[in-house]
């Protein structure tokens, strides 16, 4: 199953913008496939996924990364990738 991981931090202004303008729209279509990950509170997980810039959005198919974006997010592209379950 595909899922979107959104790595952010509470102090990150670009993260708040991306969450409000982009992520919320993807979440409206796929609420069960979105997971927000606080990169500071879950540093080991961020390191595991090689996240070194915020915000970072990953889409995983099972545990395999199939999409990575730093910064803004193309809403239609993300929804299309999440729609395609293989």
PDB file of N, CA and C in Angstrom:
ATOM      1  N   UNK A   1       0.841  -1.188   0.000  1.00  0.00           N
ATOM      2  CA  UNK A   1       0.000   0.000   0.000  1.00  0.00           C
ATOM      3  C   UNK A   1       0.881   1.245   0.000  1.00  0.00           C
ATOM      4  N   UNK A   2       0.478   2.214  -0.772  1.00  0.00           N
ATOM      5  CA  UNK A   2       1.232   3.464  -0.837  1.00  0.00           C
ATOM      6  C   UNK A   2       0.832   4.407   0.279  1.00  0.00           C
ATOM      7  N   UNK A   3       1.843   5.146   0.766  1.00  0.00           N
ATOM      8  CA  UNK A   3       1.570   6.159   1.783  1.00  0.00           C
ATOM      9  C   UNK A   3       2.531   7.317   1.590  1.00  0.00           C
ATOM     10  N   UNK A   4       2.082   8.479   2.022  1.00  0.00           N
ATOM     11  CA  UNK A   4       2.861   9.696   1.923  1.00  0.00           C
ATOM     12  C   UNK A   4       3.380  10.054   3.308  1.00  0.00           C
ATOM     13  N   UNK A   5       4.682  10.242   3.419  1.00  0.00           N
ATOM     14  CA  UNK A   5       5.300  10.695   4.661  1.00  0.00           C
ATOM     15  C   UNK A   5       5.696  12.151   4.474  1.00  0.00           C
ATOM     16  N   UNK A   6       5.242  12.997   5.378  1.00  0.00           N
ATOM     17  CA  UNK A   6       5.545  14.427   5.308  1.00  0.00           C
ATOM     18  C   UNK A   6       6.433  14.778   6.499  1.00  0.00           C
ATOM     19  N   UNK A   7       7.710  15.034   6.225  1.00  0.00           N
ATOM     20  CA  UNK A   7       8.673  15.381   7.264  1.00  0.00           C
ATOM     21  C   UNK A   7       8.691  16.891   7.442  1.00  0.00           C
ATOM     22  N   UNK A   8       8.516  17.321   8.689  1.00  0.00           N
ATOM     23  CA  UNK A   8       8.408  18.741   9.006  1.00  0.00           C
ATOM     24  C   UNK A   8       8.983  18.999  10.387  1.00  0.00           C
ATOM     25  N   UNK A   9       8.972  20.264  10.792  1.00  0.00           N
ATOM     26  CA  UNK A   9       9.345  20.654  12.158  1.00  0.00           C
ATOM     27  C   UNK A   9       8.442  21.807  12.570  1.00  0.00           C
ATOM     28  N   UNK A  10       8.188  21.922  13.851  1.00  0.00           N
ATOM     29  CA  UNK A  10       7.263  22.944  14.341  1.00  0.00           C
ATOM     30  C   UNK A  10       7.750  24.362  14.085  1.00  0.00           C
ATOM     31  N   UNK A  11       9.049  24.586  14.039  1.00  0.00           N
ATOM     32  CA  UNK A  11       9.616  25.921  13.835  1.00  0.00           C
ATOM     33  C   UNK A  11       9.755  26.305  12.366  1.00  0.00           C
ATOM     34  N   UNK A  12       9.494  25.391  11.459  1.00  0.00           N
ATOM     35  CA  UNK A  12       9.760  25.562  10.025  1.00  0.00           C
ATOM     36  C   UNK A  12       8.599  26.285   9.325  1.00  0.00           C
ATOM     37  N   UNK A  13       8.804  27.544   8.951  1.00  0.00           N
ATOM     38  CA  UNK A  13       7.750  28.312   8.274  1.00  0.00           C
ATOM     39  C   UNK A  13       7.397  27.733   6.896  1.00  0.00           C
ATOM     40  N   UNK A  14       8.383  27.333   6.075  1.00  0.00           N
ATOM     41  CA  UNK A  14       8.004  26.701   4.804  1.00  0.00           C
ATOM     42  C   UNK A  14       7.174  25.429   5.009  1.00  0.00           C
ATOM     43  N   UNK A  15       7.444  24.695   6.077  1.00  0.00           N
ATOM     44  CA  UNK A  15       6.672  23.474   6.363  1.00  0.00           C
ATOM     45  C   UNK A  15       5.204  23.818   6.592  1.00  0.00           C
ATOM     46  N   UNK A  16       4.962  24.871   7.351  1.00  0.00           N
ATOM     47  CA  UNK A  16       3.578  25.276   7.645  1.00  0.00           C
ATOM     48  C   UNK A  16       2.868  25.701   6.360  1.00  0.00           C
ATOM     49  N   UNK A  17       3.587  26.417   5.489  1.00  0.00           N
ATOM     50  CA  UNK A  17       3.005  26.841   4.219  1.00  0.00           C
ATOM     51  C   UNK A  17       2.658  25.641   3.351  1.00  0.00           C
ATOM     52  N   UNK A  18       3.603  24.720   3.187  1.00  0.00           N
ATOM     53  CA  UNK A  18       3.358  23.530   2.358  1.00  0.00           C
ATOM     54  C   UNK A  18       2.211  22.715   2.924  1.00  0.00           C
ATOM     55  N   UNK A  19       2.168  22.581   4.237  1.00  0.00           N
ATOM     56  CA  UNK A  19       1.095  21.806   4.863  1.00  0.00           C
ATOM     57  C   UNK A  19      -0.266  22.434   4.572  1.00  0.00           C
ATOM     58  N   UNK A  20      -0.348  23.749   4.697  1.00  0.00           N
ATOM     59  CA  UNK A  20      -1.621  24.438   4.504  1.00  0.00           C
ATOM     60  C   UNK A  20      -2.045  24.466   3.042  1.00  0.00           C
ATOM     61  N   UNK A  21      -1.110  24.809   2.155  1.00  0.00           N
ATOM     62  CA  UNK A  21      -1.443  25.029   0.747  1.00  0.00           C
ATOM     63  C   UNK A  21      -1.489  23.758  -0.100  1.00  0.00           C
ATOM     64  N   UNK A  22      -0.713  22.758   0.270  1.00  0.00           N
ATOM     65  CA  UNK A  22      -0.595  21.567  -0.582  1.00  0.00           C
ATOM     66  C   UNK A  22      -1.042  20.289   0.121  1.00  0.00           C
ATOM     67  N   UNK A  23      -0.404  19.996   1.236  1.00  0.00           N
ATOM     68  CA  UNK A  23      -0.645  18.716   1.902  1.00  0.00           C
ATOM     69  C   UNK A  23      -2.105  18.549   2.308  1.00  0.00           C
ATOM     70  N   UNK A  24      -2.733  19.599   2.788  1.00  0.00           N
ATOM     71  CA  UNK A  24      -4.133  19.493   3.217  1.00  0.00           C
ATOM     72  C   UNK A  24      -5.041  19.095   2.053  1.00  0.00           C
ATOM     73  N   UNK A  25      -4.696  19.516   0.839  1.00  0.00           N
ATOM     74  CA  UNK A  25      -5.509  19.170  -0.339  1.00  0.00           C
ATOM     75  C   UNK A  25      -5.325  17.697  -0.726  1.00  0.00           C
ATOM     76  N   UNK A  26      -4.125  17.197  -0.590  1.00  0.00           N
ATOM     77  CA  UNK A  26      -3.883  15.767  -0.853  1.00  0.00           C
ATOM     78  C   UNK A  26      -4.582  14.939   0.227  1.00  0.00           C
ATOM     79  N   UNK A  27      -4.497  15.408   1.459  1.00  0.00           N
ATOM     80  CA  UNK A  27      -5.113  14.693   2.576  1.00  0.00           C
ATOM     81  C   UNK A  27      -6.635  14.627   2.440  1.00  0.00           C
ATOM     82  N   UNK A  28      -7.243  15.626   1.816  1.00  0.00           N
ATOM     83  CA  UNK A  28      -8.692  15.619   1.610  1.00  0.00           C
ATOM     84  C   UNK A  28      -9.119  14.453   0.718  1.00  0.00           C
ATOM     85  N   UNK A  29      -8.238  14.039  -0.200  1.00  0.00           N
ATOM     86  CA  UNK A  29      -8.533  12.930  -1.115  1.00  0.00           C
ATOM     87  C   UNK A  29      -8.108  11.593  -0.515  1.00  0.00           C
ATOM     88  N   UNK A  30      -6.982  11.581   0.189  1.00  0.00           N
ATOM     89  CA  UNK A  30      -6.415  10.338   0.734  1.00  0.00           C
ATOM     90  C   UNK A  30      -6.087  10.489   2.226  1.00  0.00           C
ATOM     91  N   UNK A  31      -7.073  10.684   3.083  1.00  0.00           N
ATOM     92  CA  UNK A  31      -6.771  10.923   4.503  1.00  0.00           C
ATOM     93  C   UNK A  31      -6.073   9.750   5.191  1.00  0.00           C
ATOM     94  N   UNK A  32      -6.303   8.547   4.719  1.00  0.00           N
ATOM     95  CA  UNK A  32      -5.723   7.357   5.350  1.00  0.00           C
ATOM     96  C   UNK A  32      -4.316   7.052   4.846  1.00  0.00           C
ATOM     97  N   UNK A  33      -3.814   7.823   3.884  1.00  0.00           N
ATOM     98  CA  UNK A  33      -2.499   7.547   3.310  1.00  0.00           C
ATOM     99  C   UNK A  33      -1.457   8.611   3.638  1.00  0.00           C
ATOM    100  N   UNK A  34      -1.790   9.535   4.537  1.00  0.00           N
ATOM    101  CA  UNK A  34      -0.883  10.638   4.880  1.00  0.00           C
ATOM    102  C   UNK A  34      -0.381  10.437   6.301  1.00  0.00           C
ATOM    103  N   UNK A  35       0.922  10.579   6.478  1.00  0.00           N
ATOM    104  CA  UNK A  35       1.507  10.513   7.816  1.00  0.00           C
ATOM    105  C   UNK A  35       2.472  11.688   7.990  1.00  0.00           C
ATOM    106  N   UNK A  36       2.205  12.495   8.991  1.00  0.00           N
ATOM    107  CA  UNK A  36       3.091  13.613   9.316  1.00  0.00           C
ATOM    108  C   UNK A  36       4.168  13.118  10.273  1.00  0.00           C
ATOM    109  N   UNK A  37       5.418  13.469   9.986  1.00  0.00           N
ATOM    110  CA  UNK A  37       6.540  13.019  10.809  1.00  0.00           C
ATOM    111  C   UNK A  37       7.317  14.252  11.250  1.00  0.00           C
ATOM    112  N   UNK A  38       7.327  14.511  12.547  1.00  0.00           N
ATOM    113  CA  UNK A  38       8.118  15.616  13.089  1.00  0.00           C
ATOM    114  C   UNK A  38       9.580  15.172  13.077  1.00  0.00           C
ATOM    115  N   UNK A  39      10.376  15.775  12.220  1.00  0.00           N
ATOM    116  CA  UNK A  39      11.763  15.346  12.013  1.00  0.00           C
ATOM    117  C   UNK A  39      12.626  15.532  13.253  1.00  0.00           C
ATOM    118  N   UNK A  40      12.267  16.451  14.124  1.00  0.00           N
ATOM    119  CA  UNK A  40      13.028  16.628  15.369  1.00  0.00           C
ATOM    120  C   UNK A  40      12.674  15.553  16.386  1.00  0.00           C
ATOM    121  N   UNK A  41      11.398  15.281  16.542  1.00  0.00           N
ATOM    122  CA  UNK A  41      10.962  14.271  17.509  1.00  0.00           C
ATOM    123  C   UNK A  41      11.230  12.853  17.038  1.00  0.00           C
ATOM    124  N   UNK A  42      11.324  12.669  15.729  1.00  0.00           N
ATOM    125  CA  UNK A  42      11.590  11.344  15.164  1.00  0.00           C
ATOM    126  C   UNK A  42      12.847  11.403  14.292  1.00  0.00           C
ATOM    127  N   UNK A  43      13.943  11.863  14.903  1.00  0.00           N
ATOM    128  CA  UNK A  43      15.200  12.068  14.185  1.00  0.00           C
ATOM    129  C   UNK A  43      15.740  10.772  13.581  1.00  0.00           C
ATOM    130  N   UNK A  44      15.589   9.667  14.271  1.00  0.00           N
ATOM    131  CA  UNK A  44      16.087   8.389  13.750  1.00  0.00           C
ATOM    132  C   UNK A  44      15.338   8.014  12.472  1.00  0.00           C
ATOM    133  N   UNK A  45      14.042   8.238  12.477  1.00  0.00           N
ATOM    134  CA  UNK A  45      13.235   7.936  11.293  1.00  0.00           C
ATOM    135  C   UNK A  45      13.604   8.864  10.127  1.00  0.00           C
ATOM    136  N   UNK A  46      13.817  10.132  10.427  1.00  0.00           N
ATOM    137  CA  UNK A  46      14.241  11.081   9.393  1.00  0.00           C
ATOM    138  C   UNK A  46      15.590  10.655   8.813  1.00  0.00           C
ATOM    139  N   UNK A  47      16.492  10.250   9.668  1.00  0.00           N
ATOM    140  CA  UNK A  47      17.809   9.802   9.209  1.00  0.00           C
ATOM    141  C   UNK A  47      17.679   8.540   8.353  1.00  0.00           C
ATOM    142  N   UNK A  48      16.821   7.622   8.768  1.00  0.00           N
ATOM    143  CA  UNK A  48      16.601   6.379   8.013  1.00  0.00           C
ATOM    144  C   UNK A  48      16.186   6.684   6.575  1.00  0.00           C
ATOM    145  N   UNK A  49      15.375   7.725   6.401  1.00  0.00           N
ATOM    146  CA  UNK A  49      14.874   8.096   5.078  1.00  0.00           C
ATOM    147  C   UNK A  49      15.726   9.178   4.417  1.00  0.00           C
ATOM    148  N   UNK A  50      16.902   9.465   5.008  1.00  0.00           N
ATOM    149  CA  UNK A  50      17.855  10.434   4.462  1.00  0.00           C
ATOM    150  C   UNK A  50      17.240  11.817   4.273  1.00  0.00           C
ATOM    151  N   UNK A  51      16.453  12.232   5.238  1.00  0.00           N
ATOM    152  CA  UNK A  51      15.840  13.559   5.183  1.00  0.00           C
ATOM    153  C   UNK A  51      16.802  14.537   5.838  1.00  0.00           C
ATOM    154  N   UNK A  52      17.303  15.492   5.039  1.00  0.00           N
ATOM    155  CA  UNK A  52      18.224  16.485   5.586  1.00  0.00           C
ATOM    156  C   UNK A  52      17.766  17.918   5.313  1.00  0.00           C
ATOM    157  N   UNK A  53      16.624  18.062   4.642  1.00  0.00           N
ATOM    158  CA  UNK A  53      16.026  19.377   4.402  1.00  0.00           C
ATOM    159  C   UNK A  53      14.538  19.285   4.695  1.00  0.00           C
ATOM    160  N   UNK A  54      13.980  20.396   5.138  1.00  0.00           N
ATOM    161  CA  UNK A  54      12.551  20.431   5.452  1.00  0.00           C
ATOM    162  C   UNK A  54      11.886  21.548   4.653  1.00  0.00           C
ATOM    163  N   UNK A  55      10.641  21.328   4.276  1.00  0.00           N
ATOM    164  CA  UNK A  55       9.888  20.080   4.375  1.00  0.00           C
ATOM    165  C   UNK A  55      10.303  19.092   3.283  1.00  0.00           C
ATOM    166  N   UNK A  56      10.172  17.814   3.590  1.00  0.00           N
ATOM    167  CA  UNK A  56      10.421  16.751   2.615  1.00  0.00           C
ATOM    168  C   UNK A  56       9.207  15.839   2.589  1.00  0.00           C
ATOM    169  N   UNK A  57       8.766  15.530   1.387  1.00  0.00           N
ATOM    170  CA  UNK A  57       7.643  14.629   1.187  1.00  0.00           C
ATOM    171  C   UNK A  57       8.142  13.380   0.469  1.00  0.00           C
ATOM    172  N   UNK A  58       7.812  12.234   1.019  1.00  0.00           N
ATOM    173  CA  UNK A  58       8.141  10.948   0.406  1.00  0.00           C
ATOM    174  C   UNK A  58       6.850  10.183   0.156  1.00  0.00           C
ATOM    175  N   UNK A  59       6.822   9.436  -0.914  1.00  0.00           N
ATOM    176  CA  UNK A  59       5.745   8.470  -1.106  1.00  0.00           C
ATOM    177  C   UNK A  59       6.407   7.110  -1.183  1.00  0.00           C
ATOM    178  N   UNK A  60       5.919   6.217  -0.340  1.00  0.00           N
ATOM    179  CA  UNK A  60       6.445   4.856  -0.278  1.00  0.00           C
ATOM    180  C   UNK A  60       5.414   3.883  -0.829  1.00  0.00           C
ATOM    181  N   UNK A  61       5.895   2.877  -1.526  1.00  0.00           N
ATOM    182  CA  UNK A  61       5.071   1.749  -1.945  1.00  0.00           C
ATOM    183  C   UNK A  61       5.571   0.591  -1.109  1.00  0.00           C
ATOM    184  N   UNK A  62       4.786   0.190  -0.137  1.00  0.00           N
ATOM    185  CA  UNK A  62       5.234  -0.656   0.955  1.00  0.00           C
ATOM    186  C   UNK A  62       6.376   0.108   1.626  1.00  0.00           C
ATOM    187  N   UNK A  63       7.591  -0.350   1.590  1.00  0.00           N
ATOM    188  CA  UNK A  63       8.687   0.403   2.207  1.00  0.00           C
ATOM    189  C   UNK A  63       9.659   0.960   1.168  1.00  0.00           C
ATOM    190  N   UNK A  64       9.313   0.845  -0.106  1.00  0.00           N
ATOM    191  CA  UNK A  64      10.185   1.326  -1.169  1.00  0.00           C
ATOM    192  C   UNK A  64       9.819   2.746  -1.566  1.00  0.00           C
ATOM    193  N   UNK A  65      10.804   3.632  -1.533  1.00  0.00           N
ATOM    194  CA  UNK A  65      10.572   5.018  -1.909  1.00  0.00           C
ATOM    195  C   UNK A  65      10.358   5.110  -3.419  1.00  0.00           C
ATOM    196  N   UNK A  66       9.245   5.734  -3.819  1.00  0.00           N
ATOM    197  CA  UNK A  66       8.969   5.911  -5.242  1.00  0.00           C
ATOM    198  C   UNK A  66       8.861   7.379  -5.618  1.00  0.00           C
ATOM    199  N   UNK A  67       8.885   8.285  -4.638  1.00  0.00           N
ATOM    200  CA  UNK A  67       8.739   9.710  -4.891  1.00  0.00           C
ATOM    201  C   UNK A  67       9.402  10.476  -3.759  1.00  0.00           C
ATOM    202  N   UNK A  68      10.105  11.555  -4.113  1.00  0.00           N
ATOM    203  CA  UNK A  68      10.723  12.422  -3.099  1.00  0.00           C
ATOM    204  C   UNK A  68      10.648  13.851  -3.602  1.00  0.00           C
ATOM    205  N   UNK A  69      10.224  14.754  -2.730  1.00  0.00           N
ATOM    206  CA  UNK A  69      10.176  16.167  -3.082  1.00  0.00           C
ATOM    207  C   UNK A  69      10.561  16.975  -1.858  1.00  0.00           C
ATOM    208  N   UNK A  70      11.458  17.923  -2.041  1.00  0.00           N
ATOM    209  CA  UNK A  70      11.829  18.872  -0.995  1.00  0.00           C
ATOM    210  C   UNK A  70      11.145  20.180  -1.333  1.00  0.00           C
ATOM    211  N   UNK A  71      10.475  20.776  -0.343  1.00  0.00           N
ATOM    212  CA  UNK A  71       9.765  22.029  -0.594  1.00  0.00           C
ATOM    213  C   UNK A  71       8.343  21.770  -1.032  1.00  0.00           C
ATOM    214  N   UNK A  72       7.880  22.552  -1.995  1.00  0.00           N
ATOM    215  CA  UNK A  72       6.502  22.470  -2.471  1.00  0.00           C
ATOM    216  C   UNK A  72       6.137  21.106  -3.023  1.00  0.00           C
ATOM    217  N   UNK A  73       4.859  20.922  -3.229  1.00  0.00           N
ATOM    218  CA  UNK A  73       4.332  19.625  -3.639  1.00  0.00           C
ATOM    219  C   UNK A  73       3.333  19.837  -4.764  1.00  0.00           C
ATOM    220  N   UNK A  74       3.440  19.062  -5.823  1.00  0.00           N
ATOM    221  CA  UNK A  74       2.461  19.091  -6.903  1.00  0.00           C
ATOM    222  C   UNK A  74       1.274  18.233  -6.455  1.00  0.00           C
ATOM    223  N   UNK A  75       0.171  18.885  -6.173  1.00  0.00           N
ATOM    224  CA  UNK A  75      -0.999  18.209  -5.608  1.00  0.00           C
ATOM    225  C   UNK A  75      -1.494  17.096  -6.524  1.00  0.00           C
ATOM    226  N   UNK A  76      -1.692  17.417  -7.799  1.00  0.00           N
ATOM    227  CA  UNK A  76      -2.222  16.424  -8.743  1.00  0.00           C
ATOM    228  C   UNK A  76      -1.282  15.234  -8.895  1.00  0.00           C
ATOM    229  N   UNK A  77       0.018  15.511  -8.956  1.00  0.00           N
ATOM    230  CA  UNK A  77       0.988  14.426  -9.094  1.00  0.00           C
ATOM    231  C   UNK A  77       0.950  13.501  -7.880  1.00  0.00           C
ATOM    232  N   UNK A  78       0.922  14.086  -6.687  1.00  0.00           N
ATOM    233  CA  UNK A  78       0.887  13.283  -5.463  1.00  0.00           C
ATOM    234  C   UNK A  78      -0.387  12.433  -5.398  1.00  0.00           C
ATOM    235  N   UNK A  79      -1.525  13.037  -5.733  1.00  0.00           N
ATOM    236  CA  UNK A  79      -2.792  12.296  -5.712  1.00  0.00           C
ATOM    237  C   UNK A  79      -2.756  11.161  -6.723  1.00  0.00           C
ATOM    238  N   UNK A  80      -2.225  11.436  -7.910  1.00  0.00           N
ATOM    239  CA  UNK A  80      -2.139  10.400  -8.953  1.00  0.00           C
ATOM    240  C   UNK A  80      -1.265   9.226  -8.502  1.00  0.00           C
ATOM    241  N   UNK A  81      -0.123   9.532  -7.884  1.00  0.00           N
ATOM    242  CA  UNK A  81       0.769   8.466  -7.420  1.00  0.00           C
ATOM    243  C   UNK A  81       0.090   7.657  -6.317  1.00  0.00           C
ATOM    244  N   UNK A  82      -0.605   8.333  -5.405  1.00  0.00           N
ATOM    245  CA  UNK A  82      -1.299   7.613  -4.325  1.00  0.00           C
ATOM    246  C   UNK A  82      -2.471   6.801  -4.862  1.00  0.00           C
ATOM    247  N   UNK A  83      -3.106   7.249  -5.937  1.00  0.00           N
ATOM    248  CA  UNK A  83      -4.206   6.501  -6.554  1.00  0.00           C
ATOM    249  C   UNK A  83      -3.735   5.197  -7.159  1.00  0.00           C
ATOM    250  N   UNK A  84      -2.528   5.190  -7.698  1.00  0.00           N
ATOM    251  CA  UNK A  84      -1.981   4.023  -8.397  1.00  0.00           C
ATOM    252  C   UNK A  84      -1.385   3.069  -7.376  1.00  0.00           C
ATOM    253  N   UNK A  85      -2.096   2.019  -7.099  1.00  0.00           N
ATOM    254  CA  UNK A  85      -1.610   1.046  -6.102  1.00  0.00           C
ATOM    255  C   UNK A  85      -0.902  -0.131  -6.737  1.00  0.00           C
ATOM    256  N   UNK A  86      -0.244   0.105  -7.844  1.00  0.00           N
ATOM    257  CA  UNK A  86       0.560  -0.940  -8.453  1.00  0.00           C
ATOM    258  C   UNK A  86      -0.120  -1.569  -9.593  1.00  0.00           C
TER     259      UNK A  86
END
